Protein backbone atom coordinates (compact mmCIF):
# COMPACT_ATOMS: atom_id res chain seq x y z
CA MET A 1 111.19 131.50 71.45
CA ALA A 2 114.51 130.74 69.74
CA SER A 3 114.77 130.39 66.04
CA PHE A 4 114.65 126.92 64.38
CA GLN A 5 118.39 127.20 63.65
CA ALA A 6 119.17 128.00 67.36
CA ARG A 7 117.00 125.10 68.47
CA LYS A 8 118.68 122.84 65.93
CA ALA A 9 122.12 123.81 67.10
CA ILE A 10 121.17 122.92 70.66
CA GLY A 11 119.64 119.66 69.61
CA ASP A 12 122.67 118.72 67.48
CA ALA A 13 125.05 119.32 70.35
CA HIS A 14 122.73 117.18 72.59
CA GLU A 15 122.75 114.32 69.96
CA ARG A 16 126.49 114.39 69.80
CA ARG A 17 126.76 114.14 73.64
CA VAL A 18 124.26 111.32 73.78
CA ALA A 19 126.11 109.41 70.97
CA GLN A 20 129.43 109.86 72.94
CA GLU A 21 127.84 108.67 76.22
CA LEU A 22 126.65 105.56 74.36
CA GLU A 23 130.00 104.99 72.67
CA ASN A 24 131.63 105.24 76.14
CA ARG A 25 129.44 102.33 77.14
CA ARG A 26 130.57 100.37 74.01
CA TRP A 27 127.40 100.87 72.05
CA SER A 28 127.60 101.38 68.27
CA VAL A 29 125.61 104.54 67.35
CA SER A 30 124.42 105.97 63.98
CA ALA A 31 122.53 109.01 63.08
CA TRP A 32 118.90 108.29 62.01
CA GLY A 33 115.77 110.32 61.17
CA GLN A 34 115.82 113.83 59.98
CA GLY A 35 119.47 114.28 60.86
CA ILE A 36 120.38 112.24 57.80
CA MET A 37 117.94 113.91 55.47
CA GLY A 38 118.66 116.93 53.42
CA GLU A 39 117.17 120.31 54.34
CA PRO A 40 114.53 120.42 51.58
CA ILE A 41 113.12 117.09 52.96
CA ARG A 42 113.27 118.25 56.61
CA ARG A 43 111.52 121.53 55.65
CA ALA A 44 108.80 119.59 53.74
CA LEU A 45 108.24 117.19 56.62
CA ARG A 46 107.73 120.09 59.00
CA THR A 47 104.67 121.04 56.92
CA THR A 48 103.00 117.62 57.36
CA ASN A 49 101.37 115.53 60.08
CA SER A 50 103.28 112.47 58.91
CA SER A 51 104.73 110.20 61.64
CA LEU A 52 108.00 110.56 59.81
CA ARG A 53 108.29 114.06 61.21
CA TRP A 54 109.08 112.47 64.57
CA THR A 55 111.60 109.85 63.54
CA PRO A 56 114.16 109.32 66.36
CA ASP A 57 117.58 111.00 66.05
CA LEU A 58 119.79 107.94 66.80
CA ILE A 59 119.90 104.17 66.47
CA ALA A 60 122.27 102.25 68.61
CA ALA A 61 123.28 98.58 68.99
CA ARG A 62 125.31 96.43 71.46
CA ASP A 63 125.46 92.67 71.80
CA GLY A 64 122.49 92.11 69.46
CA ARG A 65 120.27 94.71 71.24
CA ILE A 66 118.95 97.63 69.19
CA VAL A 67 117.42 100.87 70.53
CA LEU A 68 116.09 104.09 69.00
CA LEU A 69 116.77 107.44 70.75
CA ASP A 70 115.14 110.74 70.39
CA CYS A 71 117.28 113.38 72.01
CA LYS A 72 115.42 116.14 73.85
CA GLY A 73 117.72 119.09 74.35
CA SER A 74 116.36 121.89 76.50
CA MET A 75 113.15 120.02 77.21
CA THR A 76 113.25 119.92 80.99
CA SER A 77 111.88 122.68 83.23
CA ALA A 78 114.21 123.45 86.13
CA ALA A 79 111.33 125.24 87.88
CA SER A 80 108.62 122.50 87.68
CA ARG A 81 111.02 119.51 87.47
CA ARG A 82 109.25 118.09 84.54
CA HIS A 83 110.30 116.79 81.13
CA VAL A 84 108.42 117.97 78.16
CA VAL A 85 107.55 115.93 75.04
CA GLU A 86 105.34 116.88 72.21
CA ARG A 87 102.15 114.72 72.25
CA ALA A 88 102.22 114.12 68.55
CA ALA A 89 105.80 112.80 68.83
CA VAL A 90 104.65 110.32 71.54
CA VAL A 91 101.77 109.03 69.41
CA ALA A 92 104.13 108.63 66.40
CA HIS A 93 106.68 106.83 68.61
CA LEU A 94 104.18 104.43 70.00
CA GLN A 95 103.32 103.47 66.40
CA LEU A 96 107.07 103.10 65.58
CA VAL A 97 107.63 100.89 68.61
CA ALA A 98 104.67 98.69 67.62
CA TRP A 99 105.85 98.50 64.02
CA THR A 100 109.63 97.90 64.68
CA GLN A 101 109.26 95.99 68.01
CA LEU A 102 112.40 98.03 69.08
CA PRO A 103 112.57 100.08 72.33
CA LEU A 104 112.67 103.80 72.02
CA TYR A 105 113.84 106.28 74.60
CA TYR A 106 113.69 110.00 74.95
CA VAL A 107 117.06 111.26 76.32
CA PHE A 108 117.00 114.59 78.18
CA ASP A 109 119.88 116.99 78.98
CA ASN A 110 120.63 115.38 82.28
CA LEU A 111 120.52 111.98 80.49
CA ASP A 112 117.24 110.95 82.14
CA LEU A 113 115.28 108.51 80.00
CA LEU A 114 111.61 108.05 79.30
CA ASP A 115 109.90 105.73 76.83
CA PRO A 116 106.78 106.70 74.94
CA HIS A 117 104.49 104.56 77.14
CA ASP A 118 105.81 106.32 80.27
CA ALA A 119 105.37 109.72 78.68
CA LEU A 120 101.77 108.99 77.66
CA GLY A 121 100.84 107.13 80.83
CA ARG A 122 102.66 109.34 83.40
CA GLY A 123 102.50 112.65 81.62
CA GLN A 124 99.89 115.47 82.05
CA VAL A 125 98.78 117.53 79.17
CA GLY A 126 100.49 120.87 79.46
CA PRO A 127 99.66 124.28 78.03
CA ALA A 128 99.89 124.74 74.25
CA SER A 129 103.11 125.84 72.74
CA PRO A 130 104.23 129.34 73.66
CA ALA A 131 104.90 130.00 70.00
CA GLY A 132 101.16 129.96 69.41
CA SER A 133 101.12 126.79 67.28
CA GLY A 134 98.69 125.19 69.60
CA THR A 135 100.93 122.15 69.90
CA PRO A 136 99.98 120.07 72.95
CA TYR A 137 102.80 118.88 75.21
CA LEU A 138 102.98 116.23 77.81
CA LEU A 139 104.70 117.01 81.11
CA VAL A 140 106.25 114.20 82.97
CA PRO A 141 107.77 114.54 86.44
CA VAL A 142 111.56 114.02 86.43
CA ALA A 143 111.17 111.54 89.28
CA ARG A 144 109.40 109.17 86.81
CA SER A 145 112.57 108.90 84.60
CA LEU A 146 114.98 106.01 84.19
CA GLY A 147 118.69 106.53 84.63
CA PHE A 148 120.97 106.42 81.55
CA ASP A 149 123.44 104.02 83.32
CA GLU A 150 120.55 101.75 84.40
CA VAL A 151 119.52 101.19 80.85
CA PHE A 152 122.84 101.50 78.91
CA GLY A 153 125.41 100.48 81.48
CA ILE A 154 128.24 102.46 83.08
CA PRO A 155 131.04 104.03 81.06
CA GLN A 156 133.92 101.61 80.21
CA GLU A 157 137.62 102.21 79.97
CA PRO A 158 138.78 102.64 76.36
CA ALA A 159 139.76 99.34 74.81
CA ALA A 160 143.50 98.81 74.87
CA SER A 161 145.02 99.19 71.41
CA ALA A 162 146.87 96.28 69.93
CA ALA A 163 150.68 96.76 69.98
């Protein structure tokens, strides 16, 4: 298994790509969650079971609509054609959706989307984490996903600059 730093680099690149895809569709995007916290806070959160551990990565808005996004880089199996989401994250996200009354989406490498309800309802409990942590994951068939364009619109031409 890759080190935390290697996984973080992959995740950071995926977050930048998702933010750019949203901006191309005229959404305003801001970093949120652990990405805006200092390393001592992130390190401390990793040792807890607090729902804050699974705070989504991005928040986006357009035309009064607000969404939360949790970017899932390298969390799709090409062999089984299933997306993978940690069950504890899904439980925390269901609580967050209930509390904020905002939609939340998991965004995978191919820009497929799932919401926590779909992950829990359509996912099957997979094997424990290969790192030996015993972390249970939900496996959701790719065919159950929503399309990025379907939810966020198609990319737009850049706005013309004023002369």
